[in-house]
């Protein structure tokens, strides 16, 4: 799988109110994409912008929303899953929030 940085627009930086954003686009040999986005806030003064608000604001429709365990046995991480219907094709988003020291 090959990855590359995905540029973050000035508009997105202003909306999210942080400069600490890592966006990557990974493509496998079959041409399927996985987008990774990590947004970090150095303090808790800013509210989180969840993917539901951002994507529905861009015209996507939520088809399904649930929680998935990812990992092995007792080490599962529970992530939120959104399946979105968009004019450019369906999109699956997995996300979770972490607060405090990891």
PDB file of N, CA and C in Angstrom:
ATOM      1  N   UNK A   1       0.855  -1.168   0.000  1.00  0.00           N
ATOM      2  CA  UNK A   1       0.000   0.000   0.000  1.00  0.00           C
ATOM      3  C   UNK A   1       0.903   1.234   0.000  1.00  0.00           C
ATOM      4  N   UNK A   2       0.590   2.169  -0.862  1.00  0.00           N
ATOM      5  CA  UNK A   2       1.371   3.391  -1.005  1.00  0.00           C
ATOM      6  C   UNK A   2       0.568   4.550  -0.428  1.00  0.00           C
ATOM      7  N   UNK A   3       1.228   5.415   0.354  1.00  0.00           N
ATOM      8  CA  UNK A   3       0.549   6.555   0.958  1.00  0.00           C
ATOM      9  C   UNK A   3       1.167   7.870   0.530  1.00  0.00           C
ATOM     10  N   UNK A   4       0.340   8.907   0.553  1.00  0.00           N
ATOM     11  CA  UNK A   4       0.827  10.247   0.253  1.00  0.00           C
ATOM     12  C   UNK A   4       0.064  11.241   1.114  1.00  0.00           C
ATOM     13  N   UNK A   5       0.698  12.385   1.377  1.00  0.00           N
ATOM     14  CA  UNK A   5       0.021  13.438   2.119  1.00  0.00           C
ATOM     15  C   UNK A   5      -1.140  13.982   1.312  1.00  0.00           C
ATOM     16  N   UNK A   6      -2.212  14.272   1.983  1.00  0.00           N
ATOM     17  CA  UNK A   6      -3.405  14.834   1.360  1.00  0.00           C
ATOM     18  C   UNK A   6      -3.498  16.276   1.839  1.00  0.00           C
ATOM     19  N   UNK A   7      -3.474  17.257   0.945  1.00  0.00           N
ATOM     20  CA  UNK A   7      -3.436  18.653   1.374  1.00  0.00           C
ATOM     21  C   UNK A   7      -4.703  19.073   2.126  1.00  0.00           C
ATOM     22  N   UNK A   8      -4.513  19.871   3.175  1.00  0.00           N
ATOM     23  CA  UNK A   8      -5.620  20.404   3.960  1.00  0.00           C
ATOM     24  C   UNK A   8      -5.811  21.861   3.540  1.00  0.00           C
ATOM     25  N   UNK A   9      -7.026  22.192   3.122  1.00  0.00           N
ATOM     26  CA  UNK A   9      -7.277  23.556   2.642  1.00  0.00           C
ATOM     27  C   UNK A   9      -7.291  24.545   3.804  1.00  0.00           C
ATOM     28  N   UNK A  10      -7.040  25.778   3.490  1.00  0.00           N
ATOM     29  CA  UNK A  10      -7.065  26.842   4.488  1.00  0.00           C
ATOM     30  C   UNK A  10      -8.441  26.933   5.143  1.00  0.00           C
ATOM     31  N   UNK A  11      -9.489  26.708   4.363  1.00  0.00           N
ATOM     32  CA  UNK A  11     -10.867  26.731   4.890  1.00  0.00           C
ATOM     33  C   UNK A  11     -11.060  25.687   5.986  1.00  0.00           C
ATOM     34  N   UNK A  12     -10.557  24.478   5.748  1.00  0.00           N
ATOM     35  CA  UNK A  12     -10.673  23.395   6.740  1.00  0.00           C
ATOM     36  C   UNK A  12      -9.877  23.736   7.999  1.00  0.00           C
ATOM     37  N   UNK A  13      -8.673  24.285   7.824  1.00  0.00           N
ATOM     38  CA  UNK A  13      -7.869  24.691   8.977  1.00  0.00           C
ATOM     39  C   UNK A  13      -8.615  25.715   9.830  1.00  0.00           C
ATOM     40  N   UNK A  14      -9.298  26.632   9.191  1.00  0.00           N
ATOM     41  CA  UNK A  14     -10.056  27.651   9.917  1.00  0.00           C
ATOM     42  C   UNK A  14     -11.266  27.049  10.624  1.00  0.00           C
ATOM     43  N   UNK A  15     -11.960  26.132   9.961  1.00  0.00           N
ATOM     44  CA  UNK A  15     -13.133  25.500  10.567  1.00  0.00           C
ATOM     45  C   UNK A  15     -12.733  24.674  11.784  1.00  0.00           C
ATOM     46  N   UNK A  16     -11.661  23.900  11.657  1.00  0.00           N
ATOM     47  CA  UNK A  16     -11.240  23.020  12.746  1.00  0.00           C
ATOM     48  C   UNK A  16     -10.462  23.751  13.842  1.00  0.00           C
ATOM     49  N   UNK A  17     -10.000  24.947  13.543  1.00  0.00           N
ATOM     50  CA  UNK A  17      -9.304  25.786  14.520  1.00  0.00           C
ATOM     51  C   UNK A  17      -8.071  25.119  15.126  1.00  0.00           C
ATOM     52  N   UNK A  18      -7.328  24.407  14.290  1.00  0.00           N
ATOM     53  CA  UNK A  18      -6.052  23.837  14.713  1.00  0.00           C
ATOM     54  C   UNK A  18      -5.169  23.667  13.488  1.00  0.00           C
ATOM     55  N   UNK A  19      -3.873  23.753  13.707  1.00  0.00           N
ATOM     56  CA  UNK A  19      -2.930  23.516  12.611  1.00  0.00           C
ATOM     57  C   UNK A  19      -2.372  22.103  12.664  1.00  0.00           C
ATOM     58  N   UNK A  20      -2.770  21.338  13.658  1.00  0.00           N
ATOM     59  CA  UNK A  20      -2.245  19.989  13.861  1.00  0.00           C
ATOM     60  C   UNK A  20      -3.157  18.962  13.195  1.00  0.00           C
ATOM     61  N   UNK A  21      -3.019  18.852  11.892  1.00  0.00           N
ATOM     62  CA  UNK A  21      -3.840  17.922  11.118  1.00  0.00           C
ATOM     63  C   UNK A  21      -2.940  17.090  10.217  1.00  0.00           C
ATOM     64  N   UNK A  22      -3.128  15.789  10.277  1.00  0.00           N
ATOM     65  CA  UNK A  22      -2.432  14.878   9.371  1.00  0.00           C
ATOM     66  C   UNK A  22      -3.487  14.221   8.505  1.00  0.00           C
ATOM     67  N   UNK A  23      -3.422  14.427   7.216  1.00  0.00           N
ATOM     68  CA  UNK A  23      -4.317  13.780   6.258  1.00  0.00           C
ATOM     69  C   UNK A  23      -3.464  12.989   5.276  1.00  0.00           C
ATOM     70  N   UNK A  24      -3.765  11.702   5.149  1.00  0.00           N
ATOM     71  CA  UNK A  24      -3.027  10.830   4.233  1.00  0.00           C
ATOM     72  C   UNK A  24      -4.019  10.048   3.385  1.00  0.00           C
ATOM     73  N   UNK A  25      -3.597   9.718   2.179  1.00  0.00           N
ATOM     74  CA  UNK A  25      -4.374   8.903   1.255  1.00  0.00           C
ATOM     75  C   UNK A  25      -3.532   7.686   0.918  1.00  0.00           C
ATOM     76  N   UNK A  26      -4.040   6.501   1.256  1.00  0.00           N
ATOM     77  CA  UNK A  26      -3.342   5.252   0.962  1.00  0.00           C
ATOM     78  C   UNK A  26      -4.092   4.519  -0.143  1.00  0.00           C
ATOM     79  N   UNK A  27      -3.367   3.960  -1.106  1.00  0.00           N
ATOM     80  CA  UNK A  27      -3.965   3.244  -2.226  1.00  0.00           C
ATOM     81  C   UNK A  27      -3.304   1.875  -2.331  1.00  0.00           C
ATOM     82  N   UNK A  28      -4.137   0.816  -2.422  1.00  0.00           N
ATOM     83  CA  UNK A  28      -3.562  -0.515  -2.592  1.00  0.00           C
ATOM     84  C   UNK A  28      -3.388  -0.839  -4.069  1.00  0.00           C
ATOM     85  N   UNK A  29      -2.894  -2.030  -4.364  1.00  0.00           N
ATOM     86  CA  UNK A  29      -2.609  -2.417  -5.748  1.00  0.00           C
ATOM     87  C   UNK A  29      -3.869  -2.543  -6.607  1.00  0.00           C
ATOM     88  N   UNK A  30      -5.040  -2.621  -5.962  1.00  0.00           N
ATOM     89  CA  UNK A  30      -6.302  -2.692  -6.702  1.00  0.00           C
ATOM     90  C   UNK A  30      -6.921  -1.314  -6.919  1.00  0.00           C
ATOM     91  N   UNK A  31      -6.241  -0.271  -6.452  1.00  0.00           N
ATOM     92  CA  UNK A  31      -6.737   1.088  -6.635  1.00  0.00           C
ATOM     93  C   UNK A  31      -7.755   1.542  -5.603  1.00  0.00           C
ATOM     94  N   UNK A  32      -7.909   0.779  -4.519  1.00  0.00           N
ATOM     95  CA  UNK A  32      -8.856   1.154  -3.459  1.00  0.00           C
ATOM     96  C   UNK A  32      -8.170   2.093  -2.477  1.00  0.00           C
ATOM     97  N   UNK A  33      -8.896   3.108  -2.052  1.00  0.00           N
ATOM     98  CA  UNK A  33      -8.346   4.151  -1.191  1.00  0.00           C
ATOM     99  C   UNK A  33      -8.758   3.979   0.264  1.00  0.00           C
ATOM    100  N   UNK A  34      -7.842   4.350   1.152  1.00  0.00           N
ATOM    101  CA  UNK A  34      -8.127   4.529   2.573  1.00  0.00           C
ATOM    102  C   UNK A  34      -7.566   5.895   2.932  1.00  0.00           C
ATOM    103  N   UNK A  35      -8.436   6.739   3.476  1.00  0.00           N
ATOM    104  CA  UNK A  35      -8.014   8.070   3.892  1.00  0.00           C
ATOM    105  C   UNK A  35      -7.871   8.084   5.409  1.00  0.00           C
ATOM    106  N   UNK A  36      -6.748   8.581   5.886  1.00  0.00           N
ATOM    107  CA  UNK A  36      -6.486   8.699   7.309  1.00  0.00           C
ATOM    108  C   UNK A  36      -6.439  10.172   7.657  1.00  0.00           C
ATOM    109  N   UNK A  37      -7.179  10.555   8.666  1.00  0.00           N
ATOM    110  CA  UNK A  37      -7.169  11.941   9.119  1.00  0.00           C
ATOM    111  C   UNK A  37      -7.048  11.942  10.630  1.00  0.00           C
ATOM    112  N   UNK A  38      -6.023  12.617  11.137  1.00  0.00           N
ATOM    113  CA  UNK A  38      -5.828  12.768  12.573  1.00  0.00           C
ATOM    114  C   UNK A  38      -5.836  14.256  12.867  1.00  0.00           C
ATOM    115  N   UNK A  39      -6.730  14.659  13.769  1.00  0.00           N
ATOM    116  CA  UNK A  39      -6.836  16.062  14.160  1.00  0.00           C
ATOM    117  C   UNK A  39      -6.511  16.135  15.646  1.00  0.00           C
ATOM    118  N   UNK A  40      -5.539  16.965  15.975  1.00  0.00           N
ATOM    119  CA  UNK A  40      -5.080  17.089  17.362  1.00  0.00           C
ATOM    120  C   UNK A  40      -5.337  18.496  17.866  1.00  0.00           C
ATOM    121  N   UNK A  41      -5.892  18.579  19.068  1.00  0.00           N
ATOM    122  CA  UNK A  41      -6.062  19.855  19.752  1.00  0.00           C
ATOM    123  C   UNK A  41      -5.163  19.855  20.980  1.00  0.00           C
ATOM    124  N   UNK A  42      -4.216  20.795  21.085  1.00  0.00           N
ATOM    125  CA  UNK A  42      -3.299  20.806  22.224  1.00  0.00           C
ATOM    126  C   UNK A  42      -3.977  21.135  23.549  1.00  0.00           C
ATOM    127  N   UNK A  43      -5.183  21.674  23.510  1.00  0.00           N
ATOM    128  CA  UNK A  43      -5.936  21.912  24.735  1.00  0.00           C
ATOM    129  C   UNK A  43      -7.402  21.587  24.470  1.00  0.00           C
ATOM    130  N   UNK A  44      -8.198  21.600  25.502  1.00  0.00           N
ATOM    131  CA  UNK A  44      -9.616  21.216  25.358  1.00  0.00           C
ATOM    132  C   UNK A  44     -10.536  22.419  25.207  1.00  0.00           C
ATOM    133  N   UNK A  45     -10.003  23.552  24.784  1.00  0.00           N
ATOM    134  CA  UNK A  45     -10.817  24.761  24.660  1.00  0.00           C
ATOM    135  C   UNK A  45     -11.713  24.726  23.427  1.00  0.00           C
ATOM    136  N   UNK A  46     -11.360  23.911  22.455  1.00  0.00           N
ATOM    137  CA  UNK A  46     -12.095  23.841  21.193  1.00  0.00           C
ATOM    138  C   UNK A  46     -12.980  22.599  21.211  1.00  0.00           C
ATOM    139  N   UNK A  47     -14.231  22.743  20.765  1.00  0.00           N
ATOM    140  CA  UNK A  47     -15.118  21.595  20.653  1.00  0.00           C
ATOM    141  C   UNK A  47     -14.751  20.764  19.431  1.00  0.00           C
ATOM    142  N   UNK A  48     -15.023  19.479  19.506  1.00  0.00           N
ATOM    143  CA  UNK A  48     -14.715  18.596  18.388  1.00  0.00           C
ATOM    144  C   UNK A  48     -15.707  18.813  17.254  1.00  0.00           C
ATOM    145  N   UNK A  49     -15.229  18.663  16.043  1.00  0.00           N
ATOM    146  CA  UNK A  49     -16.080  18.705  14.854  1.00  0.00           C
ATOM    147  C   UNK A  49     -16.215  17.269  14.371  1.00  0.00           C
ATOM    148  N   UNK A  50     -17.348  16.646  14.664  1.00  0.00           N
ATOM    149  CA  UNK A  50     -17.464  15.228  14.315  1.00  0.00           C
ATOM    150  C   UNK A  50     -17.754  15.038  12.829  1.00  0.00           C
ATOM    151  N   UNK A  51     -17.404  13.875  12.300  1.00  0.00           N
ATOM    152  CA  UNK A  51     -17.582  13.587  10.873  1.00  0.00           C
ATOM    153  C   UNK A  51     -19.038  13.636  10.414  1.00  0.00           C
ATOM    154  N   UNK A  52     -19.984  13.379  11.307  1.00  0.00           N
ATOM    155  CA  UNK A  52     -21.391  13.434  10.914  1.00  0.00           C
ATOM    156  C   UNK A  52     -21.770  14.845  10.473  1.00  0.00           C
ATOM    157  N   UNK A  53     -21.405  15.821  11.264  1.00  0.00           N
ATOM    158  CA  UNK A  53     -21.742  17.218  10.943  1.00  0.00           C
ATOM    159  C   UNK A  53     -21.035  17.674   9.678  1.00  0.00           C
ATOM    160  N   UNK A  54     -19.740  17.381   9.590  1.00  0.00           N
ATOM    161  CA  UNK A  54     -18.958  17.835   8.432  1.00  0.00           C
ATOM    162  C   UNK A  54     -19.479  17.237   7.131  1.00  0.00           C
ATOM    163  N   UNK A  55     -19.739  15.945   7.124  1.00  0.00           N
ATOM    164  CA  UNK A  55     -20.126  15.277   5.873  1.00  0.00           C
ATOM    165  C   UNK A  55     -21.564  15.556   5.474  1.00  0.00           C
ATOM    166  N   UNK A  56     -22.486  15.623   6.428  1.00  0.00           N
ATOM    167  CA  UNK A  56     -23.865  15.955   6.059  1.00  0.00           C
ATOM    168  C   UNK A  56     -23.951  17.417   5.627  1.00  0.00           C
ATOM    169  N   UNK A  57     -23.077  18.250   6.165  1.00  0.00           N
ATOM    170  CA  UNK A  57     -23.015  19.640   5.738  1.00  0.00           C
ATOM    171  C   UNK A  57     -22.547  19.791   4.302  1.00  0.00           C
ATOM    172  N   UNK A  58     -21.835  18.781   3.807  1.00  0.00           N
ATOM    173  CA  UNK A  58     -21.376  18.777   2.416  1.00  0.00           C
ATOM    174  C   UNK A  58     -22.340  18.032   1.503  1.00  0.00           C
ATOM    175  N   UNK A  59     -23.507  17.636   2.027  1.00  0.00           N
ATOM    176  CA  UNK A  59     -24.527  17.014   1.189  1.00  0.00           C
ATOM    177  C   UNK A  59     -24.634  15.502   1.263  1.00  0.00           C
ATOM    178  N   UNK A  60     -23.810  14.849   2.075  1.00  0.00           N
ATOM    179  CA  UNK A  60     -23.892  13.392   2.196  1.00  0.00           C
ATOM    180  C   UNK A  60     -25.083  13.004   3.073  1.00  0.00           C
ATOM    181  N   UNK A  61     -25.625  11.819   2.823  1.00  0.00           N
ATOM    182  CA  UNK A  61     -26.732  11.286   3.607  1.00  0.00           C
ATOM    183  C   UNK A  61     -26.221  10.083   4.403  1.00  0.00           C
ATOM    184  N   UNK A  62     -26.499  10.054   5.701  1.00  0.00           N
ATOM    185  CA  UNK A  62     -26.087   8.919   6.533  1.00  0.00           C
ATOM    186  C   UNK A  62     -27.031   7.751   6.270  1.00  0.00           C
ATOM    187  N   UNK A  63     -26.466   6.648   5.765  1.00  0.00           N
ATOM    188  CA  UNK A  63     -27.241   5.446   5.458  1.00  0.00           C
ATOM    189  C   UNK A  63     -27.260   4.514   6.668  1.00  0.00           C
ATOM    190  N   UNK A  64     -26.128   4.469   7.399  1.00  0.00           N
ATOM    191  CA  UNK A  64     -26.035   3.591   8.561  1.00  0.00           C
ATOM    192  C   UNK A  64     -25.043   4.183   9.556  1.00  0.00           C
ATOM    193  N   UNK A  65     -25.349   4.008  10.837  1.00  0.00           N
ATOM    194  CA  UNK A  65     -24.457   4.464  11.904  1.00  0.00           C
ATOM    195  C   UNK A  65     -24.451   3.396  12.984  1.00  0.00           C
ATOM    196  N   UNK A  66     -23.252   2.908  13.344  1.00  0.00           N
ATOM    197  CA  UNK A  66     -23.143   1.923  14.402  1.00  0.00           C
ATOM    198  C   UNK A  66     -21.751   1.962  15.020  1.00  0.00           C
ATOM    199  N   UNK A  67     -21.482   1.035  15.931  1.00  0.00           N
ATOM    200  CA  UNK A  67     -20.193   0.952  16.619  1.00  0.00           C
ATOM    201  C   UNK A  67     -19.577  -0.407  16.323  1.00  0.00           C
ATOM    202  N   UNK A  68     -18.282  -0.410  15.974  1.00  0.00           N
ATOM    203  CA  UNK A  68     -17.571  -1.650  15.664  1.00  0.00           C
ATOM    204  C   UNK A  68     -16.416  -1.864  16.635  1.00  0.00           C
ATOM    205  N   UNK A  69     -16.229  -3.098  17.111  1.00  0.00           N
ATOM    206  CA  UNK A  69     -15.019  -3.397  17.874  1.00  0.00           C
ATOM    207  C   UNK A  69     -13.894  -3.756  16.901  1.00  0.00           C
ATOM    208  N   UNK A  70     -12.742  -3.137  17.071  1.00  0.00           N
ATOM    209  CA  UNK A  70     -11.594  -3.428  16.219  1.00  0.00           C
ATOM    210  C   UNK A  70     -10.453  -3.878  17.120  1.00  0.00           C
ATOM    211  N   UNK A  71      -9.885  -5.019  16.828  1.00  0.00           N
ATOM    212  CA  UNK A  71      -8.786  -5.544  17.630  1.00  0.00           C
ATOM    213  C   UNK A  71      -9.018  -7.001  17.971  1.00  0.00           C
ATOM    214  N   UNK A  72      -8.316  -7.452  18.995  1.00  0.00           N
ATOM    215  CA  UNK A  72      -8.393  -8.853  19.410  1.00  0.00           C
ATOM    216  C   UNK A  72      -8.883  -8.938  20.845  1.00  0.00           C
ATOM    217  N   UNK A  73      -9.853  -9.807  21.075  1.00  0.00           N
ATOM    218  CA  UNK A  73     -10.342 -10.149  22.404  1.00  0.00           C
ATOM    219  C   UNK A  73     -10.619  -8.920  23.266  1.00  0.00           C
ATOM    220  N   UNK A  74      -9.963  -8.848  24.438  1.00  0.00           N
ATOM    221  CA  UNK A  74     -10.207  -7.760  25.383  1.00  0.00           C
ATOM    222  C   UNK A  74      -9.513  -6.460  24.989  1.00  0.00           C
ATOM    223  N   UNK A  75      -8.731  -6.482  23.925  1.00  0.00           N
ATOM    224  CA  UNK A  75      -8.004  -5.294  23.511  1.00  0.00           C
ATOM    225  C   UNK A  75      -8.751  -4.526  22.427  1.00  0.00           C
ATOM    226  N   UNK A  76     -10.045  -4.781  22.287  1.00  0.00           N
ATOM    227  CA  UNK A  76     -10.824  -4.118  21.251  1.00  0.00           C
ATOM    228  C   UNK A  76     -10.931  -2.621  21.487  1.00  0.00           C
ATOM    229  N   UNK A  77     -10.816  -1.889  20.400  1.00  0.00           N
ATOM    230  CA  UNK A  77     -11.078  -0.462  20.387  1.00  0.00           C
ATOM    231  C   UNK A  77     -12.452  -0.308  19.752  1.00  0.00           C
ATOM    232  N   UNK A  78     -13.350   0.402  20.391  1.00  0.00           N
ATOM    233  CA  UNK A  78     -14.675   0.601  19.819  1.00  0.00           C
ATOM    234  C   UNK A  78     -14.651   1.884  19.002  1.00  0.00           C
ATOM    235  N   UNK A  79     -14.961   1.746  17.716  1.00  0.00           N
ATOM    236  CA  UNK A  79     -14.963   2.895  16.812  1.00  0.00           C
ATOM    237  C   UNK A  79     -16.378   3.103  16.258  1.00  0.00           C
ATOM    238  N   UNK A  80     -16.680   4.337  15.973  1.00  0.00           N
ATOM    239  CA  UNK A  80     -17.947   4.682  15.339  1.00  0.00           C
ATOM    240  C   UNK A  80     -17.812   4.459  13.842  1.00  0.00           C
ATOM    241  N   UNK A  81     -18.874   3.911  13.237  1.00  0.00           N
ATOM    242  CA  UNK A  81     -18.867   3.714  11.787  1.00  0.00           C
ATOM    243  C   UNK A  81     -20.042   4.459  11.177  1.00  0.00           C
ATOM    244  N   UNK A  82     -19.734   5.225  10.155  1.00  0.00           N
ATOM    245  CA  UNK A  82     -20.759   5.904   9.355  1.00  0.00           C
ATOM    246  C   UNK A  82     -20.672   5.382   7.936  1.00  0.00           C
ATOM    247  N   UNK A  83     -21.801   5.047   7.359  1.00  0.00           N
ATOM    248  CA  UNK A  83     -21.857   4.736   5.932  1.00  0.00           C
ATOM    249  C   UNK A  83     -22.652   5.869   5.300  1.00  0.00           C
ATOM    250  N   UNK A  84     -22.005   6.562   4.383  1.00  0.00           N
ATOM    251  CA  UNK A  84     -22.586   7.741   3.771  1.00  0.00           C
ATOM    252  C   UNK A  84     -22.894   7.504   2.303  1.00  0.00           C
ATOM    253  N   UNK A  85     -24.002   8.071   1.866  1.00  0.00           N
ATOM    254  CA  UNK A  85     -24.351   8.059   0.453  1.00  0.00           C
ATOM    255  C   UNK A  85     -24.042   9.453  -0.089  1.00  0.00           C
ATOM    256  N   UNK A  86     -23.213   9.493  -1.133  1.00  0.00           N
ATOM    257  CA  UNK A  86     -22.805  10.761  -1.730  1.00  0.00           C
ATOM    258  C   UNK A  86     -22.968  10.670  -3.239  1.00  0.00           C
ATOM    259  N   UNK A  87     -22.971  11.807  -3.902  1.00  0.00           N
ATOM    260  CA  UNK A  87     -23.080  11.800  -5.364  1.00  0.00           C
ATOM    261  C   UNK A  87     -21.844  11.160  -6.000  1.00  0.00           C
ATOM    262  N   UNK A  88     -20.675  11.233  -5.328  1.00  0.00           N
ATOM    263  CA  UNK A  88     -19.435  10.651  -5.853  1.00  0.00           C
ATOM    264  C   UNK A  88     -19.305   9.172  -5.503  1.00  0.00           C
ATOM    265  N   UNK A  89     -20.295   8.590  -4.834  1.00  0.00           N
ATOM    266  CA  UNK A  89     -20.224   7.185  -4.418  1.00  0.00           C
ATOM    267  C   UNK A  89     -20.273   7.084  -2.906  1.00  0.00           C
ATOM    268  N   UNK A  90     -20.575   5.898  -2.423  1.00  0.00           N
ATOM    269  CA  UNK A  90     -20.668   5.694  -0.982  1.00  0.00           C
ATOM    270  C   UNK A  90     -19.303   5.830  -0.316  1.00  0.00           C
ATOM    271  N   UNK A  91     -19.340   6.171   0.964  1.00  0.00           N
ATOM    272  CA  UNK A  91     -18.120   6.385   1.732  1.00  0.00           C
ATOM    273  C   UNK A  91     -18.329   5.785   3.119  1.00  0.00           C
ATOM    274  N   UNK A  92     -17.315   5.087   3.625  1.00  0.00           N
ATOM    275  CA  UNK A  92     -17.352   4.537   4.978  1.00  0.00           C
ATOM    276  C   UNK A  92     -16.340   5.310   5.816  1.00  0.00           C
ATOM    277  N   UNK A  93     -16.786   5.777   6.973  1.00  0.00           N
ATOM    278  CA  UNK A  93     -15.907   6.513   7.883  1.00  0.00           C
ATOM    279  C   UNK A  93     -15.875   5.779   9.211  1.00  0.00           C
ATOM    280  N   UNK A  94     -14.678   5.494   9.697  1.00  0.00           N
ATOM    281  CA  UNK A  94     -14.479   4.955  11.038  1.00  0.00           C
ATOM    282  C   UNK A  94     -13.789   6.039  11.852  1.00  0.00           C
ATOM    283  N   UNK A  95     -14.313   6.327  13.045  1.00  0.00           N
ATOM    284  CA  UNK A  95     -13.693   7.379  13.845  1.00  0.00           C
ATOM    285  C   UNK A  95     -13.894   7.140  15.330  1.00  0.00           C
ATOM    286  N   UNK A  96     -13.014   7.747  16.111  1.00  0.00           N
ATOM    287  CA  UNK A  96     -13.131   7.723  17.562  1.00  0.00           C
ATOM    288  C   UNK A  96     -12.431   8.958  18.105  1.00  0.00           C
ATOM    289  N   UNK A  97     -12.743   9.291  19.354  1.00  0.00           N
ATOM    290  CA  UNK A  97     -12.146  10.442  20.006  1.00  0.00           C
ATOM    291  C   UNK A  97     -11.348   9.962  21.214  1.00  0.00           C
ATOM    292  N   UNK A  98     -10.241  10.623  21.481  1.00  0.00           N
ATOM    293  CA  UNK A  98      -9.433  10.328  22.661  1.00  0.00           C
ATOM    294  C   UNK A  98      -9.225  11.640  23.394  1.00  0.00           C
ATOM    295  N   UNK A  99      -9.363  11.604  24.698  1.00  0.00           N
ATOM    296  CA  UNK A  99      -9.151  12.790  25.505  1.00  0.00           C
ATOM    297  C   UNK A  99      -8.178  12.466  26.621  1.00  0.00           C
ATOM    298  N   UNK A 100      -7.337  13.426  26.969  1.00  0.00           N
ATOM    299  CA  UNK A 100      -6.367  13.216  28.034  1.00  0.00           C
ATOM    300  C   UNK A 100      -5.063  12.643  27.501  1.00  0.00           C
ATOM    301  N   UNK A 101      -4.281  12.135  28.408  1.00  0.00           N
ATOM    302  CA  UNK A 101      -2.967  11.582  28.057  1.00  0.00           C
ATOM    303  C   UNK A 101      -3.133  10.129  27.629  1.00  0.00           C
ATOM    304  N   UNK A 102      -2.513   9.796  26.514  1.00  0.00           N
ATOM    305  CA  UNK A 102      -2.614   8.431  25.990  1.00  0.00           C
ATOM    306  C   UNK A 102      -1.413   7.637  26.445  1.00  0.00           C
TER     307      UNK A 102
END
